[in-house]
Amino acid sequence: MAKKLYRSKTDRKIAGVCGGLAEYFDIDSTLCRLAYLFLLIITGVVPFVLLYIVAAIIMPEEVVATSATTSHYEAPKAPDMPPPPPPSSS
């Protein structure tokens, strides 16, 4: 199955862009945020702020399965009990 790039729902500070990039490239999200901050300062604020806004709009949000859809819960079964006695005909 191919990896897809998503904005992270669980590892986010603003919109989840750096968290999603970190998950996609399998790196620590803190390193991704530090690299983004470094590039933001080096290139000037405006280009990378615009890049972040565009990425936040274009990248779809991660779909996180809820516990209700992923659980394999089975209802408890009744204990083995003998069948009820037949009704008496009186």
PDB file of N, CA and C in Angstrom:
ATOM      1  N   MET A   1       0.846  -1.172   0.000  1.00  0.00           N
ATOM      2  CA  MET A   1       0.000   0.000   0.000  1.00  0.00           C
ATOM      3  C   MET A   1       0.896   1.241   0.000  1.00  0.00           C
ATOM      4  N   ALA A   2       0.591   2.193  -0.830  1.00  0.00           N
ATOM      5  CA  ALA A   2       1.390   3.407  -0.954  1.00  0.00           C
ATOM      6  C   ALA A   2       1.116   4.343   0.220  1.00  0.00           C
ATOM      7  N   LYS A   3       2.193   5.018   0.645  1.00  0.00           N
ATOM      8  CA  LYS A   3       2.021   6.002   1.716  1.00  0.00           C
ATOM      9  C   LYS A   3       1.360   7.239   1.135  1.00  0.00           C
ATOM     10  N   LYS A   4       0.537   7.891   1.934  1.00  0.00           N
ATOM     11  CA  LYS A   4      -0.115   9.120   1.519  1.00  0.00           C
ATOM     12  C   LYS A   4       0.244  10.229   2.493  1.00  0.00           C
ATOM     13  N   LEU A   5       0.294  11.419   1.963  1.00  0.00           N
ATOM     14  CA  LEU A   5       0.640  12.587   2.764  1.00  0.00           C
ATOM     15  C   LEU A   5      -0.634  13.219   3.310  1.00  0.00           C
ATOM     16  N   TYR A   6      -0.740  13.276   4.630  1.00  0.00           N
ATOM     17  CA  TYR A   6      -1.897  13.853   5.305  1.00  0.00           C
ATOM     18  C   TYR A   6      -1.432  14.846   6.352  1.00  0.00           C
ATOM     19  N   ARG A   7      -2.321  15.769   6.726  1.00  0.00           N
ATOM     20  CA  ARG A   7      -2.082  16.592   7.909  1.00  0.00           C
ATOM     21  C   ARG A   7      -2.405  15.730   9.119  1.00  0.00           C
ATOM     22  N   SER A   8      -1.546  15.741  10.090  1.00  0.00           N
ATOM     23  CA  SER A   8      -1.733  14.902  11.272  1.00  0.00           C
ATOM     24  C   SER A   8      -2.825  15.458  12.173  1.00  0.00           C
ATOM     25  N   LYS A   9      -3.645  14.557  12.684  1.00  0.00           N
ATOM     26  CA  LYS A   9      -4.655  14.952  13.672  1.00  0.00           C
ATOM     27  C   LYS A   9      -4.120  14.807  15.090  1.00  0.00           C
ATOM     28  N   THR A  10      -3.153  13.925  15.265  1.00  0.00           N
ATOM     29  CA  THR A  10      -2.663  13.636  16.609  1.00  0.00           C
ATOM     30  C   THR A  10      -1.386  14.393  16.948  1.00  0.00           C
ATOM     31  N   ASP A  11      -0.561  14.711  15.952  1.00  0.00           N
ATOM     32  CA  ASP A  11       0.715  15.373  16.191  1.00  0.00           C
ATOM     33  C   ASP A  11       0.682  16.740  15.518  1.00  0.00           C
ATOM     34  N   ARG A  12      -0.020  17.673  16.133  1.00  0.00           N
ATOM     35  CA  ARG A  12      -0.180  18.985  15.512  1.00  0.00           C
ATOM     36  C   ARG A  12       0.032  20.084  16.528  1.00  0.00           C
ATOM     37  N   LYS A  13       0.554  21.190  16.026  1.00  0.00           N
ATOM     38  CA  LYS A  13       0.680  22.405  16.832  1.00  0.00           C
ATOM     39  C   LYS A  13      -0.250  23.478  16.274  1.00  0.00           C
ATOM     40  N   ILE A  14      -0.267  23.628  14.942  1.00  0.00           N
ATOM     41  CA  ILE A  14      -1.154  24.613  14.317  1.00  0.00           C
ATOM     42  C   ILE A  14      -2.164  23.885  13.435  1.00  0.00           C
ATOM     43  N   ALA A  15      -1.707  23.377  12.284  1.00  0.00           N
ATOM     44  CA  ALA A  15      -2.629  22.714  11.363  1.00  0.00           C
ATOM     45  C   ALA A  15      -2.241  21.268  11.087  1.00  0.00           C
ATOM     46  N   GLY A  16      -1.141  20.790  11.641  1.00  0.00           N
ATOM     47  CA  GLY A  16      -0.735  19.404  11.458  1.00  0.00           C
ATOM     48  C   GLY A  16       0.132  19.152  10.243  1.00  0.00           C
ATOM     49  N   VAL A  17       0.606  20.221   9.584  1.00  0.00           N
ATOM     50  CA  VAL A  17       1.412  20.050   8.379  1.00  0.00           C
ATOM     51  C   VAL A  17       2.756  19.417   8.705  1.00  0.00           C
ATOM     52  N   CYS A  18       3.480  19.954   9.661  1.00  0.00           N
ATOM     53  CA  CYS A  18       4.793  19.398  10.021  1.00  0.00           C
ATOM     54  C   CYS A  18       4.659  17.987  10.601  1.00  0.00           C
ATOM     55  N   GLY A  19       3.619  17.757  11.374  1.00  0.00           N
ATOM     56  CA  GLY A  19       3.389  16.414  11.912  1.00  0.00           C
ATOM     57  C   GLY A  19       3.114  15.411  10.803  1.00  0.00           C
ATOM     58  N   GLY A  20       2.340  15.819   9.797  1.00  0.00           N
ATOM     59  CA  GLY A  20       2.062  14.945   8.659  1.00  0.00           C
ATOM     60  C   GLY A  20       3.296  14.678   7.824  1.00  0.00           C
ATOM     61  N   LEU A  21       4.102  15.709   7.593  1.00  0.00           N
ATOM     62  CA  LEU A  21       5.350  15.527   6.853  1.00  0.00           C
ATOM     63  C   LEU A  21       6.292  14.597   7.608  1.00  0.00           C
ATOM     64  N   ALA A  22       6.361  14.758   8.915  1.00  0.00           N
ATOM     65  CA  ALA A  22       7.228  13.909   9.730  1.00  0.00           C
ATOM     66  C   ALA A  22       6.778  12.450   9.674  1.00  0.00           C
ATOM     67  N   GLU A  23       5.476  12.214   9.726  1.00  0.00           N
ATOM     68  CA  GLU A  23       4.975  10.847   9.626  1.00  0.00           C
ATOM     69  C   GLU A  23       5.269  10.257   8.247  1.00  0.00           C
ATOM     70  N   TYR A  24       5.109  11.070   7.203  1.00  0.00           N
ATOM     71  CA  TYR A  24       5.333  10.596   5.837  1.00  0.00           C
ATOM     72  C   TYR A  24       6.791  10.210   5.613  1.00  0.00           C
ATOM     73  N   PHE A  25       7.719  11.048   6.092  1.00  0.00           N
ATOM     74  CA  PHE A  25       9.143  10.777   5.899  1.00  0.00           C
ATOM     75  C   PHE A  25       9.749   9.975   7.043  1.00  0.00           C
ATOM     76  N   ASP A  26       8.927   9.563   7.996  1.00  0.00           N
ATOM     77  CA  ASP A  26       9.336   8.732   9.127  1.00  0.00           C
ATOM     78  C   ASP A  26      10.489   9.369   9.908  1.00  0.00           C
ATOM     79  N   ILE A  27      10.297  10.639  10.263  1.00  0.00           N
ATOM     80  CA  ILE A  27      11.263  11.350  11.098  1.00  0.00           C
ATOM     81  C   ILE A  27      10.524  11.942  12.286  1.00  0.00           C
ATOM     82  N   ASP A  28      11.278  12.429  13.246  1.00  0.00           N
ATOM     83  CA  ASP A  28      10.681  13.041  14.435  1.00  0.00           C
ATOM     84  C   ASP A  28      10.045  14.377  14.050  1.00  0.00           C
ATOM     85  N   SER A  29       8.848  14.630  14.533  1.00  0.00           N
ATOM     86  CA  SER A  29       8.146  15.857  14.178  1.00  0.00           C
ATOM     87  C   SER A  29       8.854  17.097  14.713  1.00  0.00           C
ATOM     88  N   THR A  30       9.584  16.970  15.813  1.00  0.00           N
ATOM     89  CA  THR A  30      10.336  18.106  16.339  1.00  0.00           C
ATOM     90  C   THR A  30      11.432  18.521  15.364  1.00  0.00           C
ATOM     91  N   LEU A  31      12.101  17.531  14.756  1.00  0.00           N
ATOM     92  CA  LEU A  31      13.118  17.850  13.756  1.00  0.00           C
ATOM     93  C   LEU A  31      12.495  18.532  12.540  1.00  0.00           C
ATOM     94  N   CYS A  32      11.338  18.098  12.151  1.00  0.00           N
ATOM     95  CA  CYS A  32      10.640  18.713  11.026  1.00  0.00           C
ATOM     96  C   CYS A  32      10.281  20.162  11.353  1.00  0.00           C
ATOM     97  N   ARG A  33       9.802  20.404  12.550  1.00  0.00           N
ATOM     98  CA  ARG A  33       9.446  21.763  12.955  1.00  0.00           C
ATOM     99  C   ARG A  33      10.681  22.669  13.065  1.00  0.00           C
ATOM    100  N   LEU A  34      11.780  22.117  13.574  1.00  0.00           N
ATOM    101  CA  LEU A  34      13.012  22.900  13.661  1.00  0.00           C
ATOM    102  C   LEU A  34      13.552  23.240  12.276  1.00  0.00           C
ATOM    103  N   ALA A  35      13.501  22.284  11.348  1.00  0.00           N
ATOM    104  CA  ALA A  35      13.945  22.537   9.975  1.00  0.00           C
ATOM    105  C   ALA A  35      13.061  23.600   9.331  1.00  0.00           C
ATOM    106  N   TYR A  36      11.762  23.519   9.566  1.00  0.00           N
ATOM    107  CA  TYR A  36      10.846  24.524   9.021  1.00  0.00           C
ATOM    108  C   TYR A  36      11.168  25.905   9.599  1.00  0.00           C
ATOM    109  N   LEU A  37      11.399  25.976  10.887  1.00  0.00           N
ATOM    110  CA  LEU A  37      11.721  27.249  11.534  1.00  0.00           C
ATOM    111  C   LEU A  37      13.037  27.814  11.001  1.00  0.00           C
ATOM    112  N   PHE A  38      14.039  26.954  10.827  1.00  0.00           N
ATOM    113  CA  PHE A  38      15.328  27.382  10.283  1.00  0.00           C
ATOM    114  C   PHE A  38      15.149  27.948   8.875  1.00  0.00           C
ATOM    115  N   LEU A  39      14.428  27.231   8.017  1.00  0.00           N
ATOM    116  CA  LEU A  39      14.198  27.706   6.658  1.00  0.00           C
ATOM    117  C   LEU A  39      13.341  28.968   6.641  1.00  0.00           C
ATOM    118  N   LEU A  40      12.425  29.070   7.576  1.00  0.00           N
ATOM    119  CA  LEU A  40      11.592  30.265   7.695  1.00  0.00           C
ATOM    120  C   LEU A  40      12.449  31.501   7.973  1.00  0.00           C
ATOM    121  N   ILE A  41      13.407  31.359   8.876  1.00  0.00           N
ATOM    122  CA  ILE A  41      14.268  32.480   9.241  1.00  0.00           C
ATOM    123  C   ILE A  41      15.257  32.802   8.113  1.00  0.00           C
ATOM    124  N   ILE A  42      15.829  31.784   7.496  1.00  0.00           N
ATOM    125  CA  ILE A  42      16.840  31.981   6.456  1.00  0.00           C
ATOM    126  C   ILE A  42      16.245  32.626   5.203  1.00  0.00           C
ATOM    127  N   THR A  43      15.092  32.172   4.757  1.00  0.00           N
ATOM    128  CA  THR A  43      14.526  32.649   3.497  1.00  0.00           C
ATOM    129  C   THR A  43      13.634  33.869   3.654  1.00  0.00           C
ATOM    130  N   GLY A  44      13.354  34.236   4.828  1.00  0.00           N
ATOM    131  CA  GLY A  44      12.397  35.316   5.052  1.00  0.00           C
ATOM    132  C   GLY A  44      11.072  34.699   5.447  1.00  0.00           C
ATOM    133  N   VAL A  45      10.315  35.416   6.192  1.00  0.00           N
ATOM    134  CA  VAL A  45       9.104  34.872   6.793  1.00  0.00           C
ATOM    135  C   VAL A  45       8.003  34.603   5.770  1.00  0.00           C
ATOM    136  N   VAL A  46       7.803  35.505   4.845  1.00  0.00           N
ATOM    137  CA  VAL A  46       6.638  35.446   3.961  1.00  0.00           C
ATOM    138  C   VAL A  46       6.568  34.177   3.114  1.00  0.00           C
ATOM    139  N   PRO A  47       7.647  33.743   2.428  1.00  0.00           N
ATOM    140  CA  PRO A  47       7.507  32.557   1.567  1.00  0.00           C
ATOM    141  C   PRO A  47       7.075  31.298   2.324  1.00  0.00           C
ATOM    142  N   PHE A  48       7.666  31.077   3.485  1.00  0.00           N
ATOM    143  CA  PHE A  48       7.335  29.846   4.197  1.00  0.00           C
ATOM    144  C   PHE A  48       6.009  29.931   4.944  1.00  0.00           C
ATOM    145  N   VAL A  49       5.580  31.121   5.306  1.00  0.00           N
ATOM    146  CA  VAL A  49       4.248  31.268   5.883  1.00  0.00           C
ATOM    147  C   VAL A  49       3.206  30.965   4.812  1.00  0.00           C
ATOM    148  N   LEU A  50       3.417  31.495   3.611  1.00  0.00           N
ATOM    149  CA  LEU A  50       2.505  31.201   2.507  1.00  0.00           C
ATOM    150  C   LEU A  50       2.528  29.719   2.153  1.00  0.00           C
ATOM    151  N   LEU A  51       3.721  29.123   2.151  1.00  0.00           N
ATOM    152  CA  LEU A  51       3.841  27.687   1.869  1.00  0.00           C
ATOM    153  C   LEU A  51       3.068  26.866   2.895  1.00  0.00           C
ATOM    154  N   TYR A  52       3.163  27.242   4.165  1.00  0.00           N
ATOM    155  CA  TYR A  52       2.452  26.518   5.225  1.00  0.00           C
ATOM    156  C   TYR A  52       0.937  26.652   5.045  1.00  0.00           C
ATOM    157  N   ILE A  53       0.485  27.856   4.724  1.00  0.00           N
ATOM    158  CA  ILE A  53      -0.956  28.072   4.530  1.00  0.00           C
ATOM    159  C   ILE A  53      -1.466  27.273   3.341  1.00  0.00           C
ATOM    160  N   VAL A  54      -0.719  27.281   2.248  1.00  0.00           N
ATOM    161  CA  VAL A  54      -1.114  26.511   1.061  1.00  0.00           C
ATOM    162  C   VAL A  54      -1.118  25.017   1.383  1.00  0.00           C
ATOM    163  N   ALA A  55      -0.094  24.542   2.089  1.00  0.00           N
ATOM    164  CA  ALA A  55      -0.039  23.121   2.459  1.00  0.00           C
ATOM    165  C   ALA A  55      -1.198  22.748   3.370  1.00  0.00           C
ATOM    166  N   ALA A  56      -1.558  23.637   4.283  1.00  0.00           N
ATOM    167  CA  ALA A  56      -2.672  23.350   5.201  1.00  0.00           C
ATOM    168  C   ALA A  56      -3.997  23.284   4.449  1.00  0.00           C
ATOM    169  N   ILE A  57      -4.104  24.031   3.360  1.00  0.00           N
ATOM    170  CA  ILE A  57      -5.340  24.006   2.568  1.00  0.00           C
ATOM    171  C   ILE A  57      -5.372  22.794   1.642  1.00  0.00           C
ATOM    172  N   ILE A  58      -4.236  22.480   1.011  1.00  0.00           N
ATOM    173  CA  ILE A  58      -4.195  21.415   0.005  1.00  0.00           C
ATOM    174  C   ILE A  58      -4.145  20.020   0.619  1.00  0.00           C
ATOM    175  N   MET A  59      -3.353  19.845   1.673  1.00  0.00           N
ATOM    176  CA  MET A  59      -3.184  18.510   2.264  1.00  0.00           C
ATOM    177  C   MET A  59      -4.470  18.077   2.956  1.00  0.00           C
ATOM    178  N   PRO A  60      -4.959  16.872   2.640  1.00  0.00           N
ATOM    179  CA  PRO A  60      -6.147  16.390   3.350  1.00  0.00           C
ATOM    180  C   PRO A  60      -5.794  16.026   4.786  1.00  0.00           C
ATOM    181  N   GLU A  61      -6.801  16.087   5.644  1.00  0.00           N
ATOM    182  CA  GLU A  61      -6.588  15.740   7.047  1.00  0.00           C
ATOM    183  C   GLU A  61      -6.582  14.233   7.206  1.00  0.00           C
ATOM    184  N   GLU A  62      -5.738  13.774   8.102  1.00  0.00           N
ATOM    185  CA  GLU A  62      -5.597  12.351   8.376  1.00  0.00           C
ATOM    186  C   GLU A  62      -6.921  11.777   8.875  1.00  0.00           C
ATOM    187  N   VAL A  63      -7.236  10.587   8.412  1.00  0.00           N
ATOM    188  CA  VAL A  63      -8.441   9.900   8.869  1.00  0.00           C
ATOM    189  C   VAL A  63      -8.015   8.970   9.996  1.00  0.00           C
ATOM    190  N   VAL A  64      -8.491   9.268  11.187  1.00  0.00           N
ATOM    191  CA  VAL A  64      -8.156   8.458  12.351  1.00  0.00           C
ATOM    192  C   VAL A  64      -9.349   7.579  12.658  1.00  0.00           C
ATOM    193  N   ALA A  65      -9.120   6.280  12.675  1.00  0.00           N
ATOM    194  CA  ALA A  65     -10.204   5.349  12.970  1.00  0.00           C
ATOM    195  C   ALA A  65     -10.582   5.470  14.435  1.00  0.00           C
ATOM    196  N   THR A  66     -11.858   5.553  14.686  1.00  0.00           N
ATOM    197  CA  THR A  66     -12.319   5.616  16.071  1.00  0.00           C
ATOM    198  C   THR A  66     -12.365   4.221  16.647  1.00  0.00           C
ATOM    199  N   SER A  67     -12.428   4.141  17.935  1.00  0.00           N
ATOM    200  CA  SER A  67     -12.433   2.831  18.588  1.00  0.00           C
ATOM    201  C   SER A  67     -13.691   2.046  18.243  1.00  0.00           C
ATOM    202  N   ALA A  68     -14.777   2.720  17.912  1.00  0.00           N
ATOM    203  CA  ALA A  68     -16.011   2.018  17.579  1.00  0.00           C
ATOM    204  C   ALA A  68     -15.884   1.285  16.254  1.00  0.00           C
ATOM    205  N   THR A  69     -15.112   1.833  15.324  1.00  0.00           N
ATOM    206  CA  THR A  69     -14.971   1.181  14.023  1.00  0.00           C
ATOM    207  C   THR A  69     -13.860   0.153  14.007  1.00  0.00           C
ATOM    208  N   THR A  70     -12.917   0.251  14.920  1.00  0.00           N
ATOM    209  CA  THR A  70     -11.791  -0.668  14.889  1.00  0.00           C
ATOM    210  C   THR A  70     -11.884  -1.766  15.941  1.00  0.00           C
ATOM    211  N   SER A  71     -12.777  -1.635  16.876  1.00  0.00           N
ATOM    212  CA  SER A  71     -12.830  -2.654  17.916  1.00  0.00           C
ATOM    213  C   SER A  71     -13.525  -3.903  17.388  1.00  0.00           C
ATOM    214  N   HIS A  72     -13.131  -4.994  17.938  1.00  0.00           N
ATOM    215  CA  HIS A  72     -13.734  -6.266  17.559  1.00  0.00           C
ATOM    216  C   HIS A  72     -14.541  -6.789  18.739  1.00  0.00           C
ATOM    217  N   TYR A  73     -15.377  -5.949  19.254  1.00  0.00           N
ATOM    218  CA  TYR A  73     -16.162  -6.283  20.427  1.00  0.00           C
ATOM    219  C   TYR A  73     -17.262  -7.253  20.048  1.00  0.00           C
ATOM    220  N   GLU A  74     -17.382  -8.272  20.822  1.00  0.00           N
ATOM    221  CA  GLU A  74     -18.488  -9.206  20.643  1.00  0.00           C
ATOM    222  C   GLU A  74     -19.300  -9.196  21.926  1.00  0.00           C
ATOM    223  N   ALA A  75     -20.582  -9.235  21.761  1.00  0.00           N
ATOM    224  CA  ALA A  75     -21.461  -9.257  22.924  1.00  0.00           C
ATOM    225  C   ALA A  75     -21.213 -10.547  23.701  1.00  0.00           C
ATOM    226  N   PRO A  76     -21.284 -10.468  25.022  1.00  0.00           N
ATOM    227  CA  PRO A  76     -21.073 -11.681  25.806  1.00  0.00           C
ATOM    228  C   PRO A  76     -22.157 -12.701  25.507  1.00  0.00           C
ATOM    229  N   LYS A  77     -21.718 -13.931  25.452  1.00  0.00           N
ATOM    230  CA  LYS A  77     -22.671 -15.004  25.177  1.00  0.00           C
ATOM    231  C   LYS A  77     -23.249 -15.525  26.486  1.00  0.00           C
ATOM    232  N   ALA A  78     -24.472 -15.962  26.385  1.00  0.00           N
ATOM    233  CA  ALA A  78     -25.126 -16.524  27.566  1.00  0.00           C
ATOM    234  C   ALA A  78     -24.427 -17.823  27.935  1.00  0.00           C
ATOM    235  N   PRO A  79     -24.332 -18.099  29.223  1.00  0.00           N
ATOM    236  CA  PRO A  79     -23.695 -19.364  29.625  1.00  0.00           C
ATOM    237  C   PRO A  79     -24.537 -20.541  29.147  1.00  0.00           C
ATOM    238  N   ASP A  80     -23.861 -21.662  28.974  1.00  0.00           N
ATOM    239  CA  ASP A  80     -24.591 -22.865  28.553  1.00  0.00           C
ATOM    240  C   ASP A  80     -25.564 -23.261  29.653  1.00  0.00           C
ATOM    241  N   MET A  81     -26.816 -23.265  29.315  1.00  0.00           N
ATOM    242  CA  MET A  81     -27.856 -23.621  30.269  1.00  0.00           C
ATOM    243  C   MET A  81     -28.727 -24.692  29.630  1.00  0.00           C
ATOM    244  N   PRO A  82     -29.241 -25.547  30.434  1.00  0.00           N
ATOM    245  CA  PRO A  82     -30.136 -26.571  29.878  1.00  0.00           C
ATOM    246  C   PRO A  82     -31.411 -25.899  29.371  1.00  0.00           C
ATOM    247  N   PRO A  83     -32.042 -26.482  28.374  1.00  0.00           N
ATOM    248  CA  PRO A  83     -33.277 -25.892  27.883  1.00  0.00           C
ATOM    249  C   PRO A  83     -34.351 -25.899  28.961  1.00  0.00           C
ATOM    250  N   PRO A  84     -35.276 -24.975  28.903  1.00  0.00           N
ATOM    251  CA  PRO A  84     -36.327 -24.957  29.928  1.00  0.00           C
ATOM    252  C   PRO A  84     -37.211 -26.201  29.802  1.00  0.00           C
ATOM    253  N   PRO A  85     -37.786 -26.636  30.917  1.00  0.00           N
ATOM    254  CA  PRO A  85     -38.643 -27.836  30.875  1.00  0.00           C
ATOM    255  C   PRO A  85     -39.889 -27.538  30.034  1.00  0.00           C
ATOM    256  N   PRO A  86     -40.421 -28.543  29.391  1.00  0.00           N
ATOM    257  CA  PRO A  86     -41.647 -28.329  28.609  1.00  0.00           C
ATOM    258  C   PRO A  86     -42.789 -27.948  29.528  1.00  0.00           C
ATOM    259  N   PRO A  87     -43.717 -27.152  29.019  1.00  0.00           N
ATOM    260  CA  PRO A  87     -44.849 -26.774  29.878  1.00  0.00           C
ATOM    261  C   PRO A  87     -45.670 -28.014  30.250  1.00  0.00           C
ATOM    262  N   SER A  88     -46.110 -28.018  31.474  1.00  0.00           N
ATOM    263  CA  SER A  88     -46.933 -29.168  31.930  1.00  0.00           C
ATOM    264  C   SER A  88     -48.347 -28.982  31.432  1.00  0.00           C
ATOM    265  N   SER A  89     -48.930 -30.065  30.977  1.00  0.00           N
ATOM    266  CA  SER A  89     -50.317 -29.982  30.512  1.00  0.00           C
ATOM    267  C   SER A  89     -51.212 -30.456  31.637  1.00  0.00           C
ATOM    268  N   SER A  90     -51.927 -29.567  32.246  1.00  0.00           N
ATOM    269  CA  SER A  90     -52.823 -29.970  33.317  1.00  0.00           C
ATOM    270  C   SER A  90     -54.227 -29.614  33.032  1.00  0.00           C
TER     271      SER A  90
END
